[in-house]
Amino acid sequence: MYMLLAALGFSVMGGFAKVLKTSFNAPQLVFYRNLTGLIVLSYSFFHFPVKQTGGKALLLITRGIMGTIALYTLLYNILHIPLGSALTYNTTNTLWIAVISLLVLKEKLNAIAVICIIVGFSGVLLI
């Protein structure tokens, strides 16, 4: 259910970004999206405090920076290429994670995973 809502949210965000491309550029859209997220999360954290101890601040900061860069590249694509193509490129991130984990981290992938990666990239090429 939450995955469907997230997909709907990204689709709506992509549609609004495409409509607003004459008024805003990608950095402005990233700023306003992150500002909206900050407001929603601040409200949530205020009413439902987190009860977690520990954590690795440097990893969280790195994740935040990488997420911001990923959002910027997604919105840049949405503003400069057709919406369907931009969202298709966005969904290839799982394929790239699998390829990078194979090449860089030397993880073992079974035959089914390799076939899925090949089929996934073939599907992107068809689109």
C-alpha atoms as a PDB file:
ATOM      1  CA  MET A   1       0.000   0.000   0.000  1.00  0.00           C
ATOM      2  CA  TYR A   2       2.778   2.444   0.951  1.00  0.00           C
ATOM      3  CA  MET A   3       4.755   1.541  -2.168  1.00  0.00           C
ATOM      4  CA  LEU A   4       1.754   2.395  -4.336  1.00  0.00           C
ATOM      5  CA  LEU A   5       1.305   5.691  -2.519  1.00  0.00           C
ATOM      6  CA  ALA A   6       5.007   6.472  -2.988  1.00  0.00           C
ATOM      7  CA  ALA A   7       4.782   5.680  -6.705  1.00  0.00           C
ATOM      8  CA  LEU A   8       1.702   7.886  -6.971  1.00  0.00           C
ATOM      9  CA  GLY A   9       3.513  10.671  -5.115  1.00  0.00           C
ATOM     10  CA  PHE A  10       6.529  10.534  -7.441  1.00  0.00           C
ATOM     11  CA  SER A  11       4.249  10.484 -10.478  1.00  0.00           C
ATOM     12  CA  VAL A  12       2.324  13.513  -9.267  1.00  0.00           C
ATOM     13  CA  MET A  13       5.604  15.283  -8.418  1.00  0.00           C
ATOM     14  CA  GLY A  14       6.910  14.528 -11.918  1.00  0.00           C
ATOM     15  CA  GLY A  15       3.725  15.830 -13.497  1.00  0.00           C
ATOM     16  CA  PHE A  16       3.819  19.054 -11.477  1.00  0.00           C
ATOM     17  CA  ALA A  17       7.523  19.509 -12.266  1.00  0.00           C
ATOM     18  CA  LYS A  18       6.802  19.142 -15.976  1.00  0.00           C
ATOM     19  CA  VAL A  19       3.968  21.660 -15.795  1.00  0.00           C
ATOM     20  CA  LEU A  20       6.082  24.141 -13.807  1.00  0.00           C
ATOM     21  CA  LYS A  21       9.209  23.838 -15.954  1.00  0.00           C
ATOM     22  CA  THR A  22       8.764  27.337 -17.372  1.00  0.00           C
ATOM     23  CA  SER A  23       8.506  28.860 -13.881  1.00  0.00           C
ATOM     24  CA  PHE A  24      11.173  26.941 -11.954  1.00  0.00           C
ATOM     25  CA  ASN A  25      14.504  25.258 -12.605  1.00  0.00           C
ATOM     26  CA  ALA A  26      15.711  21.981 -11.081  1.00  0.00           C
ATOM     27  CA  PRO A  27      17.548  23.455  -8.048  1.00  0.00           C
ATOM     28  CA  GLN A  28      14.469  25.480  -7.099  1.00  0.00           C
ATOM     29  CA  LEU A  29      12.233  22.415  -7.372  1.00  0.00           C
ATOM     30  CA  VAL A  30      14.655  20.384  -5.217  1.00  0.00           C
ATOM     31  CA  PHE A  31      14.661  23.162  -2.604  1.00  0.00           C
ATOM     32  CA  TYR A  32      10.862  23.408  -2.446  1.00  0.00           C
ATOM     33  CA  ARG A  33      10.383  19.648  -2.388  1.00  0.00           C
ATOM     34  CA  ASN A  34      12.907  19.279   0.446  1.00  0.00           C
ATOM     35  CA  LEU A  35      11.327  22.207   2.291  1.00  0.00           C
ATOM     36  CA  THR A  36       7.934  20.506   2.047  1.00  0.00           C
ATOM     37  CA  GLY A  37       9.460  17.256   3.293  1.00  0.00           C
ATOM     38  CA  LEU A  38      11.114  19.088   6.194  1.00  0.00           C
ATOM     39  CA  ILE A  39       7.791  20.590   7.244  1.00  0.00           C
ATOM     40  CA  VAL A  40       5.961  17.253   7.087  1.00  0.00           C
ATOM     41  CA  LEU A  41       8.733  15.377   8.898  1.00  0.00           C
ATOM     42  CA  SER A  42       9.097  18.081  11.548  1.00  0.00           C
ATOM     43  CA  TYR A  43       5.377  17.855  12.289  1.00  0.00           C
ATOM     44  CA  SER A  44       5.620  14.064  12.416  1.00  0.00           C
ATOM     45  CA  PHE A  45       8.676  14.060  14.709  1.00  0.00           C
ATOM     46  CA  PHE A  46       7.046  16.634  17.001  1.00  0.00           C
ATOM     47  CA  HIS A  47       3.897  14.541  17.451  1.00  0.00           C
ATOM     48  CA  PHE A  48       5.557  11.111  17.312  1.00  0.00           C
ATOM     49  CA  PRO A  49       9.075  11.400  18.793  1.00  0.00           C
ATOM     50  CA  VAL A  50      11.648   8.901  17.592  1.00  0.00           C
ATOM     51  CA  LYS A  51      12.663   6.393  20.252  1.00  0.00           C
ATOM     52  CA  GLN A  52      15.886   5.220  18.683  1.00  0.00           C
ATOM     53  CA  THR A  53      19.337   5.469  20.201  1.00  0.00           C
ATOM     54  CA  GLY A  54      22.638   5.325  18.410  1.00  0.00           C
ATOM     55  CA  GLY A  55      23.025   5.810  14.717  1.00  0.00           C
ATOM     56  CA  LYS A  56      25.853   6.899  12.503  1.00  0.00           C
ATOM     57  CA  ALA A  57      25.582  10.595  11.781  1.00  0.00           C
ATOM     58  CA  LEU A  58      28.135  10.579   8.939  1.00  0.00           C
ATOM     59  CA  LEU A  59      26.257   7.837   7.092  1.00  0.00           C
ATOM     60  CA  LEU A  60      22.979   9.723   7.540  1.00  0.00           C
ATOM     61  CA  ILE A  61      24.528  12.931   6.213  1.00  0.00           C
ATOM     62  CA  THR A  62      26.013  11.039   3.255  1.00  0.00           C
ATOM     63  CA  ARG A  63      22.633   9.450   2.543  1.00  0.00           C
ATOM     64  CA  GLY A  64      20.985  12.870   2.635  1.00  0.00           C
ATOM     65  CA  ILE A  65      23.519  14.337   0.218  1.00  0.00           C
ATOM     66  CA  MET A  66      23.179  11.380  -2.169  1.00  0.00           C
ATOM     67  CA  GLY A  67      19.386  11.598  -1.982  1.00  0.00           C
ATOM     68  CA  THR A  68      19.488  15.294  -2.810  1.00  0.00           C
ATOM     69  CA  ILE A  69      21.779  14.664  -5.780  1.00  0.00           C
ATOM     70  CA  ALA A  70      19.490  11.850  -6.959  1.00  0.00           C
ATOM     71  CA  LEU A  71      16.437  14.105  -6.660  1.00  0.00           C
ATOM     72  CA  TYR A  72      18.221  16.897  -8.542  1.00  0.00           C
ATOM     73  CA  THR A  73      19.146  14.557 -11.408  1.00  0.00           C
ATOM     74  CA  LEU A  74      15.596  13.175 -11.532  1.00  0.00           C
ATOM     75  CA  LEU A  75      14.056  16.633 -11.695  1.00  0.00           C
ATOM     76  CA  TYR A  76      16.649  17.769 -14.243  1.00  0.00           C
ATOM     77  CA  ASN A  77      15.666  14.799 -16.427  1.00  0.00           C
ATOM     78  CA  ILE A  78      11.968  15.535 -15.964  1.00  0.00           C
ATOM     79  CA  LEU A  79      12.493  19.141 -17.072  1.00  0.00           C
ATOM     80  CA  HIS A  80      14.609  18.317 -20.136  1.00  0.00           C
ATOM     81  CA  ILE A  81      13.313  15.024 -21.583  1.00  0.00           C
ATOM     82  CA  PRO A  82       9.838  13.487 -21.922  1.00  0.00           C
ATOM     83  CA  LEU A  83       8.235  12.592 -18.587  1.00  0.00           C
ATOM     84  CA  GLY A  84       7.846   8.893 -19.384  1.00  0.00           C
ATOM     85  CA  SER A  85      11.511   8.545 -20.314  1.00  0.00           C
ATOM     86  CA  ALA A  86      12.650  10.421 -17.207  1.00  0.00           C
ATOM     87  CA  LEU A  87      10.595   8.224 -14.897  1.00  0.00           C
ATOM     88  CA  THR A  88      11.811   5.125 -16.754  1.00  0.00           C
ATOM     89  CA  TYR A  89      15.411   6.171 -16.145  1.00  0.00           C
ATOM     90  CA  ASN A  90      14.533   6.694 -12.487  1.00  0.00           C
ATOM     91  CA  THR A  91      13.369   3.104 -12.162  1.00  0.00           C
ATOM     92  CA  THR A  92      16.693   1.759 -13.431  1.00  0.00           C
ATOM     93  CA  ASN A  93      18.374   2.609 -10.124  1.00  0.00           C
ATOM     94  CA  THR A  94      17.768  -0.907  -8.804  1.00  0.00           C
ATOM     95  CA  LEU A  95      19.449  -2.364 -11.880  1.00  0.00           C
ATOM     96  CA  TRP A  96      22.474  -0.121 -11.362  1.00  0.00           C
ATOM     97  CA  ILE A  97      22.659  -1.067  -7.682  1.00  0.00           C
ATOM     98  CA  ALA A  98      22.805  -4.734  -8.663  1.00  0.00           C
ATOM     99  CA  VAL A  99      25.503  -4.125 -11.306  1.00  0.00           C
ATOM    100  CA  ILE A 100      27.605  -1.953  -8.987  1.00  0.00           C
ATOM    101  CA  SER A 101      27.313  -4.462  -6.148  1.00  0.00           C
ATOM    102  CA  LEU A 102      28.496  -7.159  -8.548  1.00  0.00           C
ATOM    103  CA  LEU A 103      31.440  -5.171  -9.912  1.00  0.00           C
ATOM    104  CA  VAL A 104      32.549  -3.099  -6.918  1.00  0.00           C
ATOM    105  CA  LEU A 105      31.488  -5.126  -3.883  1.00  0.00           C
ATOM    106  CA  LYS A 106      32.143  -8.485  -5.580  1.00  0.00           C
ATOM    107  CA  GLU A 107      28.750  -9.851  -4.539  1.00  0.00           C
ATOM    108  CA  LYS A 108      27.646 -13.123  -6.051  1.00  0.00           C
ATOM    109  CA  LEU A 109      24.485 -12.961  -8.154  1.00  0.00           C
ATOM    110  CA  ASN A 110      22.595 -16.087  -9.067  1.00  0.00           C
ATOM    111  CA  ALA A 111      21.554 -16.808 -12.645  1.00  0.00           C
ATOM    112  CA  ILE A 112      18.025 -15.509 -12.117  1.00  0.00           C
ATOM    113  CA  ALA A 113      19.337 -12.128 -10.892  1.00  0.00           C
ATOM    114  CA  VAL A 114      21.642 -11.804 -13.915  1.00  0.00           C
ATOM    115  CA  ILE A 115      18.773 -12.659 -16.269  1.00  0.00           C
ATOM    116  CA  CYS A 116      16.562 -10.066 -14.528  1.00  0.00           C
ATOM    117  CA  ILE A 117      19.254  -7.399 -14.927  1.00  0.00           C
ATOM    118  CA  ILE A 118      19.643  -8.179 -18.633  1.00  0.00           C
ATOM    119  CA  VAL A 119      15.878  -8.200 -19.190  1.00  0.00           C
ATOM    120  CA  GLY A 120      15.532  -4.931 -17.240  1.00  0.00           C
ATOM    121  CA  PHE A 121      18.147  -3.118 -19.322  1.00  0.00           C
ATOM    122  CA  SER A 122      16.664  -4.591 -22.503  1.00  0.00           C
ATOM    123  CA  GLY A 123      13.275  -3.217 -21.509  1.00  0.00           C
ATOM    124  CA  VAL A 124      14.749   0.233 -20.974  1.00  0.00           C
ATOM    125  CA  LEU A 125      16.365   0.083 -24.399  1.00  0.00           C
ATOM    126  CA  LEU A 126      12.996  -0.796 -25.943  1.00  0.00           C
ATOM    127  CA  ILE A 127      11.369   2.203 -24.284  1.00  0.00           C
END
